[in-house]
Amino acid sequence: MKWMRERDLLIAQTMAFVQSVTGKKPDGEKSVAFSAATSDLPAPAMPDIEAMLAEAIADPEPPKPLQISRPALRSEYQNEIQARVANFRAHQQRFLKERDDYCSTTMAKVQKALKELPPSRLGK
């Protein structure tokens, strides 16, 4: 599996970097060496960094582009956007109707109140 090889390469590079920065072996190697010394099992071999780098450089596998069905995604997005726009328009129409109804009702009340007022006495 290529991802396992890449993971091992990354671990090896990180360990080499730690060694170059600190000038000593990383703690992970000490614990592996210690546990191997205390048990009867052989110590696990560390991957060869140079060999893994050479292999990665010599056999570069180009990344495969992700195939996305653009028309399907586009139509899904378009459908969602159209549904939201239609919902928004319906909401706005409802607000306009309620505002017109309120205005009509209020103006009808004002006109009724004006008709019921006694005549003004401007002449006196």
N, C-alpha and C. Protein backbone atom coordinates (compact mmCIF):
# COMPACT_ATOMS: atom_id res chain seq x y z
N MET A 1 0.84 -1.18 0.00
CA MET A 1 0.00 0.00 0.00
C MET A 1 0.88 1.24 0.00
N LYS A 2 0.59 2.11 -0.89
CA LYS A 2 1.43 3.28 -1.07
C LYS A 2 1.33 4.24 0.12
N TRP A 3 0.16 4.37 0.72
CA TRP A 3 0.03 5.32 1.83
C TRP A 3 0.85 4.87 3.03
N MET A 4 0.99 3.55 3.20
CA MET A 4 1.81 3.06 4.32
C MET A 4 3.28 3.40 4.08
N ARG A 5 3.70 3.26 2.84
CA ARG A 5 5.08 3.59 2.50
C ARG A 5 5.33 5.09 2.70
N GLU A 6 4.36 5.91 2.28
CA GLU A 6 4.50 7.35 2.47
C GLU A 6 4.49 7.72 3.95
N ARG A 7 3.66 7.02 4.73
CA ARG A 7 3.63 7.27 6.17
C ARG A 7 4.97 6.92 6.80
N ASP A 8 5.53 5.76 6.42
CA ASP A 8 6.82 5.36 6.96
C ASP A 8 7.92 6.34 6.55
N LEU A 9 7.84 6.83 5.32
CA LEU A 9 8.81 7.82 4.86
C LEU A 9 8.70 9.10 5.68
N LEU A 10 7.50 9.54 5.95
CA LEU A 10 7.31 10.74 6.75
C LEU A 10 7.84 10.55 8.16
N ILE A 11 7.58 9.40 8.75
CA ILE A 11 8.09 9.12 10.09
C ILE A 11 9.61 9.12 10.08
N ALA A 12 10.20 8.48 9.07
CA ALA A 12 11.65 8.42 8.98
C ALA A 12 12.25 9.81 8.80
N GLN A 13 11.63 10.62 7.96
CA GLN A 13 12.13 11.99 7.76
C GLN A 13 12.02 12.80 9.05
N THR A 14 10.91 12.63 9.75
CA THR A 14 10.73 13.36 11.00
C THR A 14 11.78 12.94 12.03
N MET A 15 12.04 11.64 12.11
CA MET A 15 13.04 11.16 13.05
C MET A 15 14.43 11.67 12.68
N ALA A 16 14.74 11.71 11.38
CA ALA A 16 16.03 12.23 10.94
C ALA A 16 16.14 13.72 11.28
N PHE A 17 15.06 14.45 11.12
CA PHE A 17 15.07 15.87 11.47
C PHE A 17 15.30 16.06 12.96
N VAL A 18 14.64 15.26 13.77
CA VAL A 18 14.82 15.35 15.22
C VAL A 18 16.27 15.06 15.58
N GLN A 19 16.85 14.06 14.94
CA GLN A 19 18.25 13.74 15.21
C GLN A 19 19.16 14.90 14.82
N SER A 20 18.88 15.53 13.69
CA SER A 20 19.75 16.62 13.24
C SER A 20 19.60 17.85 14.13
N VAL A 21 18.42 18.08 14.68
CA VAL A 21 18.20 19.24 15.53
C VAL A 21 18.78 19.03 16.92
N THR A 22 18.50 17.88 17.50
CA THR A 22 18.93 17.64 18.89
C THR A 22 20.33 17.07 18.97
N GLY A 23 20.78 16.44 17.91
CA GLY A 23 22.11 15.84 17.93
C GLY A 23 22.13 14.52 18.66
N LYS A 24 20.98 13.98 18.99
CA LYS A 24 20.92 12.68 19.66
C LYS A 24 19.75 11.89 19.09
N LYS A 25 19.68 10.65 19.51
CA LYS A 25 18.61 9.77 19.05
C LYS A 25 17.28 10.19 19.67
N PRO A 26 16.18 10.10 18.92
CA PRO A 26 14.88 10.42 19.50
C PRO A 26 14.49 9.40 20.56
N ASP A 27 13.60 9.80 21.46
CA ASP A 27 13.17 8.94 22.55
C ASP A 27 12.50 7.68 22.05
N GLY A 28 11.85 7.75 20.92
CA GLY A 28 11.15 6.58 20.36
C GLY A 28 12.12 5.44 20.10
N GLU A 29 13.31 5.74 19.57
CA GLU A 29 14.29 4.70 19.29
C GLU A 29 14.84 4.13 20.58
N LYS A 30 15.03 4.98 21.61
CA LYS A 30 15.55 4.50 22.88
C LYS A 30 14.57 3.53 23.51
N SER A 31 13.27 3.87 23.46
CA SER A 31 12.29 2.98 24.08
C SER A 31 12.17 1.68 23.31
N VAL A 32 12.30 1.73 21.98
CA VAL A 32 12.25 0.51 21.18
C VAL A 32 13.47 -0.34 21.48
N ALA A 33 14.63 0.30 21.56
CA ALA A 33 15.86 -0.44 21.86
C ALA A 33 15.80 -1.03 23.26
N PHE A 34 15.26 -0.27 24.21
CA PHE A 34 15.15 -0.75 25.59
C PHE A 34 14.20 -1.93 25.68
N SER A 35 13.04 -1.81 25.04
CA SER A 35 12.07 -2.90 25.11
C SER A 35 12.58 -4.12 24.37
N ALA A 36 13.35 -3.91 23.31
CA ALA A 36 13.90 -5.04 22.57
C ALA A 36 14.97 -5.73 23.39
N ALA A 37 15.74 -4.97 24.16
CA ALA A 37 16.79 -5.55 24.97
C ALA A 37 16.20 -6.37 26.11
N THR A 38 15.07 -5.96 26.65
CA THR A 38 14.49 -6.66 27.78
C THR A 38 13.65 -7.84 27.36
N SER A 39 13.24 -7.91 26.11
CA SER A 39 12.43 -9.03 25.67
C SER A 39 13.24 -9.95 24.78
N ASP A 40 12.68 -11.10 24.49
CA ASP A 40 13.35 -12.07 23.64
C ASP A 40 13.11 -11.82 22.16
N LEU A 41 12.23 -10.87 21.83
CA LEU A 41 11.90 -10.59 20.44
C LEU A 41 13.00 -9.74 19.81
N PRO A 42 13.24 -9.92 18.51
CA PRO A 42 14.24 -9.08 17.86
C PRO A 42 13.71 -7.66 17.71
N ALA A 43 14.62 -6.69 17.71
CA ALA A 43 14.24 -5.28 17.58
C ALA A 43 13.72 -5.04 16.17
N PRO A 44 12.65 -4.25 16.02
CA PRO A 44 12.15 -3.96 14.68
C PRO A 44 13.13 -3.09 13.92
N ALA A 45 13.30 -3.39 12.65
CA ALA A 45 14.24 -2.65 11.83
C ALA A 45 13.65 -1.30 11.46
N MET A 46 14.48 -0.28 11.54
CA MET A 46 14.05 1.07 11.15
C MET A 46 14.14 1.17 9.63
N PRO A 47 13.22 1.87 9.01
CA PRO A 47 13.27 1.98 7.55
C PRO A 47 14.48 2.79 7.10
N ASP A 48 15.03 2.42 5.95
CA ASP A 48 16.18 3.12 5.39
C ASP A 48 15.67 4.38 4.69
N ILE A 49 16.03 5.54 5.22
CA ILE A 49 15.50 6.80 4.71
C ILE A 49 15.96 7.06 3.29
N GLU A 50 17.26 6.85 3.06
CA GLU A 50 17.79 7.15 1.72
C GLU A 50 17.14 6.26 0.66
N ALA A 51 16.93 4.98 1.00
CA ALA A 51 16.33 4.06 0.03
C ALA A 51 14.87 4.46 -0.24
N MET A 52 14.18 4.86 0.82
CA MET A 52 12.78 5.25 0.63
C MET A 52 12.68 6.54 -0.19
N LEU A 53 13.60 7.50 0.08
CA LEU A 53 13.61 8.74 -0.71
C LEU A 53 13.92 8.45 -2.17
N ALA A 54 14.94 7.60 -2.41
CA ALA A 54 15.30 7.27 -3.79
C ALA A 54 14.14 6.58 -4.50
N GLU A 55 13.45 5.70 -3.79
CA GLU A 55 12.31 4.99 -4.38
C GLU A 55 11.17 5.96 -4.69
N ALA A 56 10.95 6.90 -3.77
CA ALA A 56 9.87 7.86 -3.99
C ALA A 56 10.18 8.79 -5.15
N ILE A 57 11.47 9.15 -5.29
CA ILE A 57 11.86 10.05 -6.39
C ILE A 57 11.86 9.30 -7.72
N ALA A 58 12.34 8.07 -7.71
CA ALA A 58 12.45 7.30 -8.95
C ALA A 58 11.09 6.85 -9.47
N ASP A 59 10.16 6.59 -8.59
CA ASP A 59 8.86 6.08 -9.00
C ASP A 59 7.76 7.04 -8.56
N PRO A 60 7.81 8.27 -9.09
CA PRO A 60 6.74 9.20 -8.67
C PRO A 60 5.44 8.81 -9.34
N GLU A 61 4.46 8.60 -8.55
CA GLU A 61 3.14 8.26 -9.06
C GLU A 61 2.32 9.54 -9.09
N PRO A 62 1.95 10.00 -10.28
CA PRO A 62 1.20 11.26 -10.33
C PRO A 62 -0.14 11.12 -9.63
N PRO A 63 -0.52 12.14 -8.92
CA PRO A 63 -1.82 12.06 -8.23
C PRO A 63 -2.96 12.02 -9.24
N LYS A 64 -3.90 11.17 -8.95
CA LYS A 64 -5.04 11.04 -9.85
C LYS A 64 -6.05 12.12 -9.50
N PRO A 65 -6.51 12.86 -10.51
CA PRO A 65 -7.49 13.90 -10.21
C PRO A 65 -8.82 13.29 -9.78
N LEU A 66 -9.43 13.94 -8.85
CA LEU A 66 -10.72 13.47 -8.35
C LEU A 66 -11.79 13.78 -9.38
N GLN A 67 -12.48 12.75 -9.80
CA GLN A 67 -13.52 12.91 -10.80
C GLN A 67 -14.84 13.26 -10.10
N ILE A 68 -15.31 14.47 -10.34
CA ILE A 68 -16.55 14.93 -9.75
C ILE A 68 -17.56 15.13 -10.87
N SER A 69 -18.71 14.65 -10.66
CA SER A 69 -19.77 14.84 -11.64
C SER A 69 -20.28 16.27 -11.52
N ARG A 70 -19.70 17.17 -12.27
CA ARG A 70 -20.04 18.58 -12.16
C ARG A 70 -21.49 18.88 -12.54
N PRO A 71 -22.02 18.30 -13.61
CA PRO A 71 -23.42 18.62 -13.92
C PRO A 71 -24.37 18.24 -12.80
N ALA A 72 -24.12 17.11 -12.15
CA ALA A 72 -25.01 16.69 -11.07
C ALA A 72 -24.90 17.66 -9.90
N LEU A 73 -23.67 18.04 -9.55
CA LEU A 73 -23.49 18.99 -8.45
C LEU A 73 -24.09 20.34 -8.80
N ARG A 74 -23.85 20.77 -10.04
CA ARG A 74 -24.37 22.07 -10.45
C ARG A 74 -25.89 22.09 -10.38
N SER A 75 -26.50 21.02 -10.86
CA SER A 75 -27.97 21.00 -10.85
C SER A 75 -28.50 20.95 -9.42
N GLU A 76 -27.79 20.23 -8.52
CA GLU A 76 -28.22 20.21 -7.13
C GLU A 76 -28.13 21.61 -6.53
N TYR A 77 -27.02 22.28 -6.78
CA TYR A 77 -26.86 23.64 -6.26
C TYR A 77 -27.88 24.59 -6.88
N GLN A 78 -28.07 24.46 -8.19
CA GLN A 78 -29.04 25.32 -8.85
C GLN A 78 -30.44 25.08 -8.30
N ASN A 79 -30.79 23.84 -8.09
CA ASN A 79 -32.11 23.53 -7.55
C ASN A 79 -32.27 24.10 -6.15
N GLU A 80 -31.23 23.96 -5.33
CA GLU A 80 -31.31 24.50 -3.97
C GLU A 80 -31.42 26.01 -3.98
N ILE A 81 -30.63 26.66 -4.82
CA ILE A 81 -30.67 28.12 -4.90
C ILE A 81 -32.03 28.59 -5.42
N GLN A 82 -32.53 27.92 -6.45
CA GLN A 82 -33.84 28.31 -6.98
C GLN A 82 -34.93 28.12 -5.94
N ALA A 83 -34.86 27.05 -5.17
CA ALA A 83 -35.86 26.83 -4.11
C ALA A 83 -35.77 27.91 -3.05
N ARG A 84 -34.55 28.29 -2.68
CA ARG A 84 -34.39 29.35 -1.67
C ARG A 84 -34.88 30.70 -2.18
N VAL A 85 -34.59 30.99 -3.44
CA VAL A 85 -35.05 32.26 -4.02
C VAL A 85 -36.58 32.28 -4.08
N ALA A 86 -37.17 31.17 -4.49
CA ALA A 86 -38.63 31.09 -4.55
C ALA A 86 -39.24 31.25 -3.15
N ASN A 87 -38.63 30.64 -2.16
CA ASN A 87 -39.10 30.77 -0.79
C ASN A 87 -38.98 32.22 -0.31
N PHE A 88 -37.86 32.86 -0.65
CA PHE A 88 -37.67 34.26 -0.26
C PHE A 88 -38.70 35.17 -0.93
N ARG A 89 -38.93 34.93 -2.22
CA ARG A 89 -39.93 35.75 -2.93
C ARG A 89 -41.32 35.58 -2.32
N ALA A 90 -41.68 34.34 -2.00
CA ALA A 90 -42.99 34.09 -1.39
C ALA A 90 -43.09 34.80 -0.04
N HIS A 91 -42.01 34.78 0.71
CA HIS A 91 -41.97 35.45 2.00
C HIS A 91 -42.16 36.97 1.82
N GLN A 92 -41.46 37.53 0.84
CA GLN A 92 -41.59 38.96 0.57
C GLN A 92 -42.99 39.32 0.11
N GLN A 93 -43.58 38.50 -0.74
CA GLN A 93 -44.95 38.75 -1.19
C GLN A 93 -45.92 38.72 -0.03
N ARG A 94 -45.69 37.79 0.89
CA ARG A 94 -46.55 37.71 2.07
C ARG A 94 -46.42 38.99 2.91
N PHE A 95 -45.18 39.48 3.07
CA PHE A 95 -44.98 40.74 3.80
C PHE A 95 -45.67 41.91 3.11
N LEU A 96 -45.55 41.99 1.78
CA LEU A 96 -46.19 43.08 1.04
C LEU A 96 -47.70 43.03 1.21
N LYS A 97 -48.28 41.84 1.11
CA LYS A 97 -49.73 41.70 1.27
C LYS A 97 -50.16 42.11 2.67
N GLU A 98 -49.42 41.65 3.69
CA GLU A 98 -49.77 42.02 5.06
C GLU A 98 -49.65 43.53 5.26
N ARG A 99 -48.63 44.15 4.69
CA ARG A 99 -48.45 45.59 4.82
C ARG A 99 -49.59 46.35 4.13
N ASP A 100 -49.96 45.90 2.93
CA ASP A 100 -51.07 46.54 2.21
C ASP A 100 -52.39 46.38 2.97
N ASP A 101 -52.61 45.17 3.51
CA ASP A 101 -53.83 44.95 4.29
C ASP A 101 -53.87 45.85 5.52
N TYR A 102 -52.75 45.96 6.22
CA TYR A 102 -52.68 46.80 7.41
C TYR A 102 -52.94 48.27 7.04
N CYS A 103 -52.30 48.71 5.94
CA CYS A 103 -52.49 50.09 5.50
C CYS A 103 -53.95 50.35 5.14
N SER A 104 -54.55 49.42 4.39
CA SER A 104 -55.95 49.59 4.00
C SER A 104 -56.86 49.63 5.22
N THR A 105 -56.64 48.75 6.16
CA THR A 105 -57.46 48.71 7.37
C THR A 105 -57.30 50.00 8.17
N THR A 106 -56.06 50.45 8.32
CA THR A 106 -55.81 51.67 9.09
C THR A 106 -56.44 52.88 8.41
N MET A 107 -56.32 52.98 7.10
CA MET A 107 -56.91 54.12 6.38
C MET A 107 -58.44 54.08 6.45
N ALA A 108 -59.01 52.87 6.42
CA ALA A 108 -60.47 52.75 6.55
C ALA A 108 -60.91 53.23 7.93
N LYS A 109 -60.15 52.90 8.96
CA LYS A 109 -60.48 53.37 10.31
C LYS A 109 -60.37 54.89 10.41
N VAL A 110 -59.35 55.45 9.79
CA VAL A 110 -59.16 56.91 9.81
C VAL A 110 -60.32 57.60 9.10
N GLN A 111 -60.69 57.09 7.92
CA GLN A 111 -61.79 57.71 7.18
C GLN A 111 -63.11 57.59 7.94
N LYS A 112 -63.35 56.49 8.60
CA LYS A 112 -64.56 56.31 9.39
C LYS A 112 -64.57 57.29 10.56
N ALA A 113 -63.41 57.45 11.20
CA ALA A 113 -63.33 58.37 12.33
C ALA A 113 -63.54 59.81 11.85
N LEU A 114 -63.04 60.16 10.67
CA LEU A 114 -63.22 61.51 10.15
C LEU A 114 -64.70 61.79 9.83
N LYS A 115 -65.41 60.78 9.33
CA LYS A 115 -66.82 60.95 9.01
C LYS A 115 -67.67 61.13 10.26
N GLU A 116 -67.25 60.50 11.35
CA GLU A 116 -68.01 60.57 12.58
C GLU A 116 -67.74 61.83 13.41
N LEU A 117 -66.73 62.57 13.05
CA LEU A 117 -66.42 63.81 13.78
C LEU A 117 -67.52 64.84 13.54
N PRO A 118 -67.80 65.63 14.53
CA PRO A 118 -68.77 66.72 14.30
C PRO A 118 -68.16 67.75 13.38
N PRO A 119 -68.97 68.50 12.68
CA PRO A 119 -68.43 69.52 11.76
C PRO A 119 -67.61 70.53 12.57
N SER A 120 -66.58 71.02 11.93
CA SER A 120 -65.72 71.98 12.61
C SER A 120 -66.39 73.36 12.64
N ARG A 121 -65.98 74.17 13.58
CA ARG A 121 -66.53 75.52 13.70
C ARG A 121 -65.48 76.54 13.28
N LEU A 122 -65.17 76.53 12.06
CA LEU A 122 -64.15 77.44 11.58
C LEU A 122 -64.68 78.87 11.47
N GLY A 123 -65.96 79.02 11.26
CA GLY A 123 -66.53 80.34 11.09
C GLY A 123 -66.66 81.12 12.39
N LYS A 124 -66.64 80.53 13.50
CA LYS A 124 -66.85 81.23 14.77
C LYS A 124 -65.61 81.71 15.36
